[in-house]
Amino acid sequence: MKASAQHYVQRLVAGHELVERALYLDIDGWVLRLRSNSSALLDRLANYFEHVLGAPATPQVDMLAIECDSPALDVEFVEWRREAGKRGRKDSYVDLDDARLLRKVRTGMVFVQGSSPCVAAGECLLNDNQVINFVNAQYMNHLQQQGALICHAAGIVRDGRAIGIAGFSGGGKSTLMLHLLNEAGNRYLTNDRLFVRATGDGAEAIGVPKLPRVNPGTILYNRTLQDLIPDADRDRLRAMPTGELWELEQKYDVPVRHLFGSAPVVGAVPLAAFVILDWHRDPAAPATLHPVDLDAEPRLLEALMKARGPFYRDVGGRFSADTERPDPQDYRQLLAGTPVYVAHGGVDFAAVIEPINELLER
């Protein structure tokens, strides 16, 4: 017989006294209460989620974040098979009677998903990005349970209308999105997880409260981001060959509100268009942006479709499996009334910024 979620919740929390303070995150009316045994962790998360901090209210989700050594549990975790093209081991899991137990392979962080409260336990301060992702996983579940599809895309908003930006691996969707934030009137919606939902008036876009997390190549070529990397490191990185620089995995959070002067957009926004980056690093080929029919070029859907992942649980209580893949037809139907554009040629962010701004202004 499988152990219950509460068995593991009690094991992970035992011996750790929660501080009196709690954080309440209010994301467009959806409320999460976050408690911890670490005041330092709560301070850090309050700073990160400053634009969605709310007053005490009845939460839809109750979460505990326990700062401790990597938990040692007497279970055999199963490796979660990643999507095609993804390298390295990342997640492992065990399904319980009423929840899912997950463990991050590299950091040893453990999560109880689907219980109340849900729990993150381990070296939370050292791996605060994984706690942030766990918070966002709860909101992402809520959106998908409400009928939204997850897209591997960034999002920009101007005058209450959004554009989604997707691209194949290394295509630069985050880099383009951050260049667009330098343009007056553009605001940040999301960086890597864009949700799209059908309404009676067309599709709408919804972001998650996660800051852009980018590599050095993105930072070095954006004037607003320069100070995120110390001077000495910038000189060293600039000396690297371009190919090596763009492949370097060394993530930095981008504090959007402080660098660009406006808080990220929270809530649903009408989706004006989608841009898919299908270009390559060949400076001899000029970049172009033109309309595309996804029925005629179904391959482009691969750039924006995203599997739900190991933390997803549907309204009936069923968790996703690592064999499940998104259905292209669902995305075609959802975007049927939304103009879609594709960027071809060589990578040239400056060449597509003005056309994208024009799409937002129409």
Protein backbone atom coordinates (compact mmCIF):
# COMPACT_ATOMS: atom_id res chain seq x y z
CA MET A 1 0.00 0.00 0.00
CA LYS A 2 1.31 3.43 -0.96
CA ALA A 3 1.95 5.99 1.77
CA SER A 4 -0.29 9.04 1.85
CA ALA A 5 0.77 12.59 1.09
CA GLN A 6 0.27 13.58 4.72
CA HIS A 7 2.81 10.96 5.78
CA TYR A 8 5.50 12.74 3.74
CA VAL A 9 4.26 16.22 4.62
CA GLN A 10 4.67 15.36 8.30
CA ARG A 11 8.13 13.84 7.73
CA LEU A 12 9.38 16.87 5.82
CA VAL A 13 7.99 19.40 8.29
CA ALA A 14 8.85 17.56 11.52
CA GLY A 15 11.36 19.43 13.68
CA HIS A 16 11.06 22.68 11.72
CA GLU A 17 9.16 25.48 13.42
CA LEU A 18 7.32 27.81 11.06
CA VAL A 19 7.81 31.53 11.56
CA GLU A 20 4.68 33.49 12.39
CA ARG A 21 4.76 35.52 9.18
CA ALA A 22 3.13 34.33 5.95
CA LEU A 23 3.18 35.66 2.38
CA TYR A 24 -0.04 35.99 0.42
CA LEU A 25 0.30 36.11 -3.36
CA ASP A 26 -2.75 37.46 -5.19
CA ILE A 27 -2.43 36.69 -8.91
CA ASP A 28 -5.49 38.11 -10.65
CA GLY A 29 -7.75 36.99 -7.79
CA TRP A 30 -6.11 33.58 -7.32
CA VAL A 31 -4.51 33.44 -3.85
CA LEU A 32 -1.61 31.35 -2.56
CA ARG A 33 -0.45 31.41 1.07
CA LEU A 34 3.24 30.67 1.59
CA ARG A 35 4.72 29.81 5.00
CA SER A 36 8.25 28.79 5.95
CA ASN A 37 10.66 28.12 8.79
CA SER A 38 13.06 30.67 7.23
CA SER A 39 12.51 34.42 7.55
CA ALA A 40 15.37 34.98 5.08
CA LEU A 41 13.59 32.87 2.46
CA LEU A 42 10.31 34.75 2.97
CA ASP A 43 12.17 38.06 2.60
CA ARG A 44 13.72 36.91 -0.66
CA LEU A 45 10.42 35.62 -2.06
CA ALA A 46 8.58 38.78 -0.99
CA ASN A 47 11.09 40.82 -2.97
CA TYR A 48 10.77 38.55 -5.99
CA PHE A 49 6.95 38.49 -5.99
CA GLU A 50 6.53 42.14 -4.94
CA HIS A 51 4.11 42.94 -7.76
CA VAL A 52 1.63 40.22 -6.69
CA LEU A 53 1.85 40.49 -2.89
CA GLY A 54 -1.64 40.68 -1.41
CA ALA A 55 -3.46 41.03 1.88
CA PRO A 56 -4.33 37.97 4.01
CA ALA A 57 -7.22 36.11 2.38
CA THR A 58 -8.60 32.59 2.05
CA PRO A 59 -6.10 30.85 -0.24
CA GLN A 60 -6.80 28.49 -3.10
CA VAL A 61 -3.43 26.86 -2.37
CA ASP A 62 -1.52 26.55 0.91
CA MET A 63 2.25 26.01 0.57
CA LEU A 64 5.12 25.31 2.96
CA ALA A 65 8.77 25.94 2.06
CA ILE A 66 11.08 24.16 4.52
CA GLU A 67 14.74 25.19 4.65
CA CYS A 68 16.73 22.08 5.61
CA ASP A 69 19.33 19.62 4.39
CA SER A 70 18.37 17.64 1.30
CA PRO A 71 15.70 15.21 2.56
CA ALA A 72 16.56 11.51 2.58
CA LEU A 73 13.39 9.49 1.96
CA ASP A 74 12.99 5.73 1.82
CA VAL A 75 11.43 5.67 -1.65
CA GLU A 76 12.70 4.78 -5.12
CA PHE A 77 12.14 7.74 -7.40
CA VAL A 78 11.47 7.14 -11.09
CA GLU A 79 13.24 9.35 -13.60
CA TRP A 80 10.92 11.67 -15.56
CA ARG A 81 11.69 11.32 -19.27
CA ARG A 82 12.29 14.75 -20.77
CA GLU A 83 11.01 16.12 -24.07
CA ALA A 84 12.98 15.41 -27.25
CA GLY A 85 16.05 17.61 -27.52
CA LYS A 86 16.36 18.22 -23.76
CA ARG A 87 19.60 17.00 -22.21
CA GLY A 88 20.43 15.79 -18.71
CA ARG A 89 18.41 14.35 -15.85
CA LYS A 90 16.15 16.88 -14.14
CA ASP A 91 13.09 15.47 -12.33
CA SER A 92 12.20 12.19 -10.63
CA TYR A 93 8.91 11.21 -9.02
CA VAL A 94 6.81 8.70 -7.08
CA ASP A 95 3.02 8.63 -7.28
CA LEU A 96 1.25 8.34 -3.94
CA ASP A 97 -2.39 7.41 -3.32
CA ASP A 98 -3.47 11.04 -3.26
CA ALA A 99 -0.53 13.15 -4.45
CA ARG A 100 2.86 13.05 -6.20
CA LEU A 101 6.28 13.15 -4.55
CA LEU A 102 8.98 14.77 -6.71
CA ARG A 103 12.72 15.15 -6.35
CA LYS A 104 15.08 17.40 -8.32
CA VAL A 105 17.98 15.23 -9.43
CA ARG A 106 20.70 17.89 -9.31
CA THR A 107 19.79 19.72 -6.11
CA GLY A 108 18.00 17.09 -4.00
CA MET A 109 15.02 19.41 -3.45
CA VAL A 110 11.84 17.44 -2.65
CA PHE A 111 8.24 18.48 -3.34
CA VAL A 112 4.85 17.12 -2.33
CA GLN A 113 2.44 18.13 -5.09
CA GLY A 114 -1.32 17.78 -4.88
CA SER A 115 -1.57 17.75 -1.08
CA SER A 116 -2.81 20.50 1.19
CA PRO A 117 -0.48 21.98 2.14
CA CYS A 118 1.88 21.31 -0.73
CA VAL A 119 5.52 21.29 0.38
CA ALA A 120 8.96 22.24 -0.93
CA ALA A 121 11.81 20.99 1.26
CA GLY A 122 15.59 21.13 1.02
CA GLU A 123 18.17 23.85 0.56
CA CYS A 124 15.56 26.44 -0.45
CA LEU A 125 17.79 29.49 -0.04
CA LEU A 126 20.46 27.97 -2.25
CA ASN A 127 17.85 26.86 -4.79
CA ASP A 128 15.29 29.63 -4.46
CA ASN A 129 14.56 29.50 -8.19
CA GLN A 130 13.10 26.02 -7.70
CA VAL A 131 10.83 27.32 -4.92
CA ILE A 132 9.72 30.11 -7.26
CA ASN A 133 9.02 27.55 -9.98
CA PHE A 134 7.00 25.48 -7.49
CA VAL A 135 4.86 28.53 -6.66
CA ASN A 136 4.30 29.15 -10.36
CA ALA A 137 3.50 25.48 -10.95
CA GLN A 138 0.43 25.91 -8.73
CA TYR A 139 -0.79 28.91 -10.74
CA MET A 140 -0.01 27.13 -14.02
CA ASN A 141 -2.13 24.19 -12.88
CA HIS A 142 -4.97 26.59 -12.14
CA LEU A 143 -4.75 28.16 -15.61
CA GLN A 144 -4.68 24.81 -17.38
CA GLN A 145 -7.57 23.52 -15.31
CA GLN A 146 -9.47 26.59 -16.55
CA GLY A 147 -8.86 25.58 -20.17
CA ALA A 148 -5.67 27.49 -21.05
CA LEU A 149 -2.95 25.92 -23.20
CA ILE A 150 0.69 26.30 -22.23
CA CYS A 151 3.01 27.79 -24.85
CA HIS A 152 6.82 27.85 -24.79
CA ALA A 153 6.81 31.57 -25.49
CA ALA A 154 7.47 35.07 -24.20
CA GLY A 155 4.89 37.86 -24.15
CA ILE A 156 4.85 41.64 -24.55
CA VAL A 157 1.91 43.99 -23.93
CA ARG A 158 1.16 47.45 -25.28
CA ASP A 159 -2.10 49.37 -24.77
CA GLY A 160 -3.81 46.28 -23.36
CA ARG A 161 -2.95 43.94 -26.25
CA ALA A 162 -0.36 41.14 -26.25
CA ILE A 163 2.00 39.51 -28.72
CA GLY A 164 3.42 36.06 -28.08
CA ILE A 165 6.99 35.31 -29.16
CA ALA A 166 8.08 31.70 -29.69
CA GLY A 167 11.18 30.23 -31.28
CA PHE A 168 13.13 27.07 -31.81
CA SER A 169 15.92 26.27 -29.36
CA GLY A 170 18.45 29.10 -29.27
CA GLY A 171 16.23 31.30 -31.44
CA GLY A 172 16.37 34.25 -29.06
CA LYS A 173 12.77 34.76 -27.95
CA SER A 174 13.90 36.09 -24.55
CA THR A 175 16.51 38.33 -26.16
CA LEU A 176 13.93 39.79 -28.56
CA MET A 177 11.39 40.26 -25.77
CA LEU A 178 13.91 42.20 -23.67
CA HIS A 179 14.89 44.38 -26.64
CA LEU A 180 11.20 45.18 -27.10
CA LEU A 181 10.98 46.27 -23.45
CA ASN A 182 13.40 49.11 -24.33
CA GLU A 183 10.65 50.53 -26.58
CA ALA A 184 8.38 53.10 -24.89
CA GLY A 185 4.94 51.75 -24.02
CA ASN A 186 5.86 48.05 -24.08
CA ARG A 187 5.39 46.05 -20.87
CA TYR A 188 6.49 42.62 -19.75
CA LEU A 189 3.95 39.80 -19.64
CA THR A 190 6.02 36.59 -19.46
CA ASN A 191 9.31 35.09 -20.57
CA ASP A 192 9.10 31.33 -21.03
CA ARG A 193 5.56 30.23 -20.18
CA LEU A 194 2.70 31.95 -21.99
CA PHE A 195 -0.84 30.66 -21.54
CA VAL A 196 -3.48 31.14 -24.21
CA ARG A 197 -7.19 30.71 -23.60
CA ALA A 198 -10.20 31.02 -25.91
CA THR A 199 -12.90 33.62 -25.20
CA GLY A 200 -16.02 34.76 -27.02
CA ASP A 201 -14.00 37.64 -28.49
CA GLY A 202 -10.92 35.66 -29.52
CA ALA A 203 -7.85 34.32 -27.75
CA GLU A 204 -6.35 35.92 -24.65
CA ALA A 205 -2.82 35.67 -23.27
CA ILE A 206 -1.86 35.18 -19.62
CA GLY A 207 1.62 35.28 -18.09
CA VAL A 208 3.04 33.85 -14.88
CA PRO A 209 4.79 35.93 -12.17
CA LYS A 210 8.31 34.82 -13.04
CA LEU A 211 11.10 37.20 -13.99
CA PRO A 212 13.05 36.65 -17.21
CA ARG A 213 15.99 34.33 -16.53
CA VAL A 214 18.58 34.76 -19.25
CA ASN A 215 22.10 33.81 -20.31
CA PRO A 216 25.06 36.23 -20.67
CA GLY A 217 24.68 36.48 -24.46
CA THR A 218 21.29 38.15 -23.97
CA ILE A 219 22.66 40.60 -21.40
CA LEU A 220 25.76 41.74 -23.28
CA TYR A 221 23.78 43.00 -26.28
CA ASN A 222 21.07 44.89 -24.38
CA ARG A 223 22.08 48.31 -23.04
CA THR A 224 19.60 48.18 -20.16
CA LEU A 225 20.91 44.87 -18.79
CA GLN A 226 24.66 45.58 -18.71
CA ASP A 227 24.98 46.05 -14.93
CA LEU A 228 23.63 42.56 -14.23
CA ILE A 229 27.16 41.28 -14.95
CA PRO A 230 30.23 42.74 -13.16
CA ASP A 231 32.69 44.67 -15.36
CA ALA A 232 35.44 42.05 -15.16
CA ASP A 233 33.08 39.26 -16.16
CA ARG A 234 31.68 41.31 -19.05
CA ASP A 235 35.15 41.72 -20.56
CA ARG A 236 35.84 38.00 -20.24
CA LEU A 237 32.50 37.06 -21.80
CA ARG A 238 32.87 39.50 -24.68
CA ALA A 239 36.17 37.82 -25.56
CA MET A 240 34.46 34.45 -26.02
CA PRO A 241 33.62 33.21 -29.54
CA THR A 242 30.02 34.09 -30.41
CA GLY A 243 28.94 30.46 -30.72
CA GLU A 244 30.30 29.56 -27.28
CA LEU A 245 28.74 32.65 -25.72
CA TRP A 246 25.25 31.84 -26.98
CA GLU A 247 25.51 28.25 -25.74
CA LEU A 248 26.74 29.25 -22.26
CA GLU A 249 24.27 28.27 -19.51
CA GLN A 250 24.74 30.82 -16.72
CA LYS A 251 21.39 32.25 -15.74
CA TYR A 252 20.64 35.75 -14.40
CA ASP A 253 17.27 37.05 -13.19
CA VAL A 254 16.19 40.32 -14.83
CA PRO A 255 14.43 42.67 -12.35
CA VAL A 256 11.94 44.02 -14.90
CA ARG A 257 10.22 46.55 -12.65
CA HIS A 258 13.45 48.26 -11.63
CA LEU A 259 15.24 48.19 -14.99
CA PHE A 260 12.33 49.04 -17.29
CA GLY A 261 10.21 51.18 -15.00
CA SER A 262 6.92 49.28 -15.00
CA ALA A 263 5.56 46.27 -13.14
CA PRO A 264 4.88 43.09 -15.10
CA VAL A 265 1.34 42.76 -16.44
CA VAL A 266 -0.85 40.45 -14.33
CA GLY A 267 -4.01 38.84 -15.66
CA ALA A 268 -5.49 38.09 -19.07
CA VAL A 269 -4.85 40.34 -22.08
CA PRO A 270 -6.32 40.02 -25.61
CA LEU A 271 -3.83 38.24 -27.88
CA ALA A 272 -3.16 40.41 -30.94
CA ALA A 273 -0.69 38.14 -32.75
CA PHE A 274 1.95 35.44 -32.43
CA VAL A 275 5.51 35.71 -33.76
CA ILE A 276 7.58 32.55 -34.34
CA LEU A 277 11.35 32.91 -34.77
CA ASP A 278 12.50 30.45 -37.44
CA TRP A 279 15.77 32.14 -38.33
CA HIS A 280 19.44 31.16 -38.08
CA ARG A 281 22.81 32.72 -37.28
CA ASP A 282 23.77 33.67 -40.82
CA PRO A 283 24.41 37.42 -41.12
CA ALA A 284 24.39 37.16 -44.94
CA ALA A 285 20.65 36.38 -45.01
CA PRO A 286 18.42 39.42 -44.26
CA ALA A 287 15.77 38.93 -41.58
CA THR A 288 12.15 39.10 -42.72
CA LEU A 289 8.83 38.93 -40.88
CA HIS A 290 5.75 37.82 -42.77
CA PRO A 291 2.34 36.18 -42.15
CA VAL A 292 2.16 32.40 -42.05
CA ASP A 293 -0.60 29.78 -42.16
CA LEU A 294 0.03 27.15 -39.49
CA ASP A 295 -2.02 24.62 -41.46
CA ALA A 296 0.40 25.04 -44.35
CA GLU A 297 3.51 24.97 -42.11
CA PRO A 298 2.62 22.69 -39.17
CA ARG A 299 6.32 22.30 -38.28
CA LEU A 300 6.22 25.79 -36.75
CA LEU A 301 3.87 24.56 -34.02
CA GLU A 302 6.80 22.62 -32.55
CA ALA A 303 8.35 25.95 -31.56
CA LEU A 304 5.47 26.94 -29.27
CA MET A 305 3.90 23.72 -27.97
CA LYS A 306 4.86 22.71 -24.43
CA ALA A 307 4.17 19.54 -22.43
CA ARG A 308 2.45 20.02 -19.06
CA GLY A 309 5.27 18.42 -17.09
CA PRO A 310 5.48 16.36 -13.88
CA PHE A 311 3.79 18.90 -11.58
CA TYR A 312 0.51 19.05 -13.52
CA ARG A 313 -2.65 17.60 -12.01
CA ASP A 314 -6.05 17.90 -13.71
CA VAL A 315 -9.36 18.77 -12.03
CA GLY A 316 -10.10 15.06 -11.58
CA GLY A 317 -6.90 14.52 -9.61
CA ARG A 318 -4.97 12.72 -12.37
CA PHE A 319 -1.29 13.59 -12.76
CA SER A 320 0.38 13.92 -16.15
CA ALA A 321 2.61 11.14 -17.48
CA ASP A 322 6.00 11.61 -19.11
CA THR A 323 4.66 9.94 -22.26
CA GLU A 324 2.02 12.62 -22.81
CA ARG A 325 2.67 15.13 -25.57
CA PRO A 326 0.69 18.21 -26.58
CA ASP A 327 -1.78 17.83 -29.45
CA PRO A 328 -0.98 20.15 -32.40
CA GLN A 329 -4.65 20.27 -33.31
CA ASP A 330 -5.49 21.91 -29.98
CA TYR A 331 -3.03 24.71 -30.73
CA ARG A 332 -4.22 25.12 -34.32
CA GLN A 333 -7.81 25.48 -33.18
CA LEU A 334 -6.93 27.92 -30.41
CA LEU A 335 -4.86 30.17 -32.69
CA ALA A 336 -7.18 29.86 -35.73
CA GLY A 337 -8.37 33.45 -35.37
CA THR A 338 -5.03 34.94 -34.31
CA PRO A 339 -2.58 36.36 -36.91
CA VAL A 340 0.70 34.41 -36.85
CA TYR A 341 3.97 35.75 -38.27
CA VAL A 342 7.30 34.03 -38.84
CA ALA A 343 10.81 35.49 -38.86
CA HIS A 344 13.10 33.98 -41.50
CA GLY A 345 16.66 34.74 -42.57
CA GLY A 346 19.56 35.61 -40.31
CA VAL A 347 19.13 36.53 -36.66
CA ASP A 348 18.62 40.31 -36.57
CA PHE A 349 16.63 41.62 -33.62
CA ALA A 350 16.74 45.24 -34.77
CA ALA A 351 15.15 44.30 -38.10
CA VAL A 352 11.97 42.89 -36.52
CA ILE A 353 11.44 45.30 -33.61
CA GLU A 354 9.69 47.97 -35.69
CA PRO A 355 7.34 45.51 -37.47
CA ILE A 356 6.39 43.94 -34.13
CA ASN A 357 5.73 47.37 -32.61
CA GLU A 358 3.47 48.11 -35.58
CA LEU A 359 1.54 44.90 -34.89
CA LEU A 360 1.00 46.03 -31.29
CA GLU A 361 -0.16 49.48 -32.42
CA ARG A 362 -2.75 48.32 -34.98
